[in-house]
Amino acid sequence: MKIQGALLKEQGVTFAVAIVKPHVLNSRIEANRLIGVLEPVFGGVPVVLMAQNARGVPTYFGRRDIVRFLATLPLGAVPWKEFIVK
């Protein structure tokens, strides 16, 4: 499976953000399960999930400090790339 995501470092904290379908964020159980699956893919760093609505507005799920930071960051500034999930 392939997933779009990014590794970022801000104020000494390295973390990942992964793009998911909006329905994933509707279930905390499913979102937390997916974060657990994705953490090894991104080298064990904290993972935040991001989904967009029909207008492209992002919603984030994960560590609150990282979510707050990402909410201020334009999506175009994120270095997105493809990752393989085994």
C-alpha atoms as a PDB file:
ATOM      1  CA  MET A   1       0.000   0.000   0.000  1.00  0.00           C
ATOM      2  CA  LYS A   2       1.203   3.514  -0.750  1.00  0.00           C
ATOM      3  CA  ILE A   3       0.492   6.582   1.354  1.00  0.00           C
ATOM      4  CA  GLN A   4       1.207  10.263   0.863  1.00  0.00           C
ATOM      5  CA  GLY A   5       3.025  11.794   3.784  1.00  0.00           C
ATOM      6  CA  ALA A   6       5.850  13.957   4.965  1.00  0.00           C
ATOM      7  CA  LEU A   7       8.581  14.000   7.572  1.00  0.00           C
ATOM      8  CA  LEU A   8       9.037  17.377   9.223  1.00  0.00           C
ATOM      9  CA  LYS A   9      11.217  18.849  11.926  1.00  0.00           C
ATOM     10  CA  GLU A  10      10.113  21.892  13.881  1.00  0.00           C
ATOM     11  CA  GLN A  11      11.659  23.286  17.056  1.00  0.00           C
ATOM     12  CA  GLY A  12      13.733  20.141  17.475  1.00  0.00           C
ATOM     13  CA  VAL A  13      10.749  17.778  17.137  1.00  0.00           C
ATOM     14  CA  THR A  14      10.714  15.371  14.189  1.00  0.00           C
ATOM     15  CA  PHE A  15       7.276  14.100  13.236  1.00  0.00           C
ATOM     16  CA  ALA A  16       5.302  12.777  10.297  1.00  0.00           C
ATOM     17  CA  VAL A  17       1.991  13.714   8.741  1.00  0.00           C
ATOM     18  CA  ALA A  18       0.043  11.233   6.620  1.00  0.00           C
ATOM     19  CA  ILE A  19      -2.910  11.913   4.323  1.00  0.00           C
ATOM     20  CA  VAL A  20      -5.944   9.715   4.993  1.00  0.00           C
ATOM     21  CA  LYS A  21      -9.586   9.557   3.904  1.00  0.00           C
ATOM     22  CA  PRO A  22     -11.924  11.708   6.043  1.00  0.00           C
ATOM     23  CA  HIS A  23     -13.826   8.695   7.444  1.00  0.00           C
ATOM     24  CA  VAL A  24     -10.634   7.528   9.201  1.00  0.00           C
ATOM     25  CA  LEU A  25     -10.748  10.590  11.449  1.00  0.00           C
ATOM     26  CA  ASN A  26     -14.364   9.868  12.426  1.00  0.00           C
ATOM     27  CA  SER A  27     -13.226   6.949  14.613  1.00  0.00           C
ATOM     28  CA  ARG A  28     -10.630   7.592  17.309  1.00  0.00           C
ATOM     29  CA  ILE A  29     -10.037   3.841  17.524  1.00  0.00           C
ATOM     30  CA  GLU A  30      -9.360   3.539  13.795  1.00  0.00           C
ATOM     31  CA  ALA A  31      -7.225   6.695  13.738  1.00  0.00           C
ATOM     32  CA  ASN A  32      -5.093   5.532  16.677  1.00  0.00           C
ATOM     33  CA  ARG A  33      -4.738   2.064  15.121  1.00  0.00           C
ATOM     34  CA  LEU A  34      -3.522   3.595  11.877  1.00  0.00           C
ATOM     35  CA  ILE A  35      -1.047   5.825  13.703  1.00  0.00           C
ATOM     36  CA  GLY A  36       0.376   2.680  15.325  1.00  0.00           C
ATOM     37  CA  VAL A  37       0.733   1.048  11.901  1.00  0.00           C
ATOM     38  CA  LEU A  38       2.372   4.126  10.363  1.00  0.00           C
ATOM     39  CA  GLU A  39       4.879   4.977  13.104  1.00  0.00           C
ATOM     40  CA  PRO A  40       7.364   2.266  11.967  1.00  0.00           C
ATOM     41  CA  VAL A  41       6.966   3.411   8.339  1.00  0.00           C
ATOM     42  CA  PHE A  42       8.127   6.894   9.365  1.00  0.00           C
ATOM     43  CA  GLY A  43      10.995   5.669  11.542  1.00  0.00           C
ATOM     44  CA  GLY A  44       9.203   5.664  14.896  1.00  0.00           C
ATOM     45  CA  VAL A  45       8.471   9.384  15.061  1.00  0.00           C
ATOM     46  CA  PRO A  46       5.064  10.700  16.162  1.00  0.00           C
ATOM     47  CA  VAL A  47       2.490  10.567  13.348  1.00  0.00           C
ATOM     48  CA  VAL A  48      -0.378  12.974  12.741  1.00  0.00           C
ATOM     49  CA  LEU A  49      -3.151  12.074  10.312  1.00  0.00           C
ATOM     50  CA  MET A  50      -4.584  14.654   7.929  1.00  0.00           C
ATOM     51  CA  ALA A  51      -7.796  14.496   5.904  1.00  0.00           C
ATOM     52  CA  GLN A  52      -9.331  17.130   3.659  1.00  0.00           C
ATOM     53  CA  ASN A  53     -12.989  17.912   3.125  1.00  0.00           C
ATOM     54  CA  ALA A  54     -14.513  18.511  -0.326  1.00  0.00           C
ATOM     55  CA  ARG A  55     -13.205  22.094  -0.302  1.00  0.00           C
ATOM     56  CA  GLY A  56      -9.673  20.992   0.545  1.00  0.00           C
ATOM     57  CA  VAL A  57      -9.779  22.226   4.140  1.00  0.00           C
ATOM     58  CA  PRO A  58      -7.553  19.996   6.294  1.00  0.00           C
ATOM     59  CA  THR A  59      -8.447  18.354   9.595  1.00  0.00           C
ATOM     60  CA  TYR A  60      -5.725  16.802  11.743  1.00  0.00           C
ATOM     61  CA  PHE A  61      -5.652  14.012  14.328  1.00  0.00           C
ATOM     62  CA  GLY A  62      -2.735  13.234  16.619  1.00  0.00           C
ATOM     63  CA  ARG A  63      -0.493  14.870  19.147  1.00  0.00           C
ATOM     64  CA  ARG A  64      -2.031  18.212  20.085  1.00  0.00           C
ATOM     65  CA  ASP A  65       1.145  20.288  19.893  1.00  0.00           C
ATOM     66  CA  ILE A  66       1.878  18.977  16.403  1.00  0.00           C
ATOM     67  CA  VAL A  67      -1.744  19.415  15.296  1.00  0.00           C
ATOM     68  CA  ARG A  68      -1.642  23.062  16.458  1.00  0.00           C
ATOM     69  CA  PHE A  69       1.545  23.649  14.494  1.00  0.00           C
ATOM     70  CA  LEU A  70       0.230  21.977  11.326  1.00  0.00           C
ATOM     71  CA  ALA A  71      -2.966  24.049  11.485  1.00  0.00           C
ATOM     72  CA  THR A  72      -0.812  27.159  10.952  1.00  0.00           C
ATOM     73  CA  LEU A  73       1.251  25.690   8.114  1.00  0.00           C
ATOM     74  CA  PRO A  74       0.084  26.074   4.496  1.00  0.00           C
ATOM     75  CA  LEU A  75      -0.344  22.648   2.871  1.00  0.00           C
ATOM     76  CA  GLY A  76       1.858  23.800  -0.012  1.00  0.00           C
ATOM     77  CA  ALA A  77       4.760  24.190   2.419  1.00  0.00           C
ATOM     78  CA  VAL A  78       4.674  20.498   3.377  1.00  0.00           C
ATOM     79  CA  PRO A  79       7.210  18.346   1.458  1.00  0.00           C
ATOM     80  CA  TRP A  80       4.781  15.555   0.489  1.00  0.00           C
ATOM     81  CA  LYS A  81       6.098  12.287  -0.903  1.00  0.00           C
ATOM     82  CA  GLU A  82       4.991   8.709  -1.310  1.00  0.00           C
ATOM     83  CA  PHE A  83       5.742   6.087   1.348  1.00  0.00           C
ATOM     84  CA  ILE A  84       5.279   2.317   1.097  1.00  0.00           C
ATOM     85  CA  VAL A  85       3.324   0.663   3.915  1.00  0.00           C
ATOM     86  CA  LYS A  86       4.035  -3.066   4.203  1.00  0.00           C
END
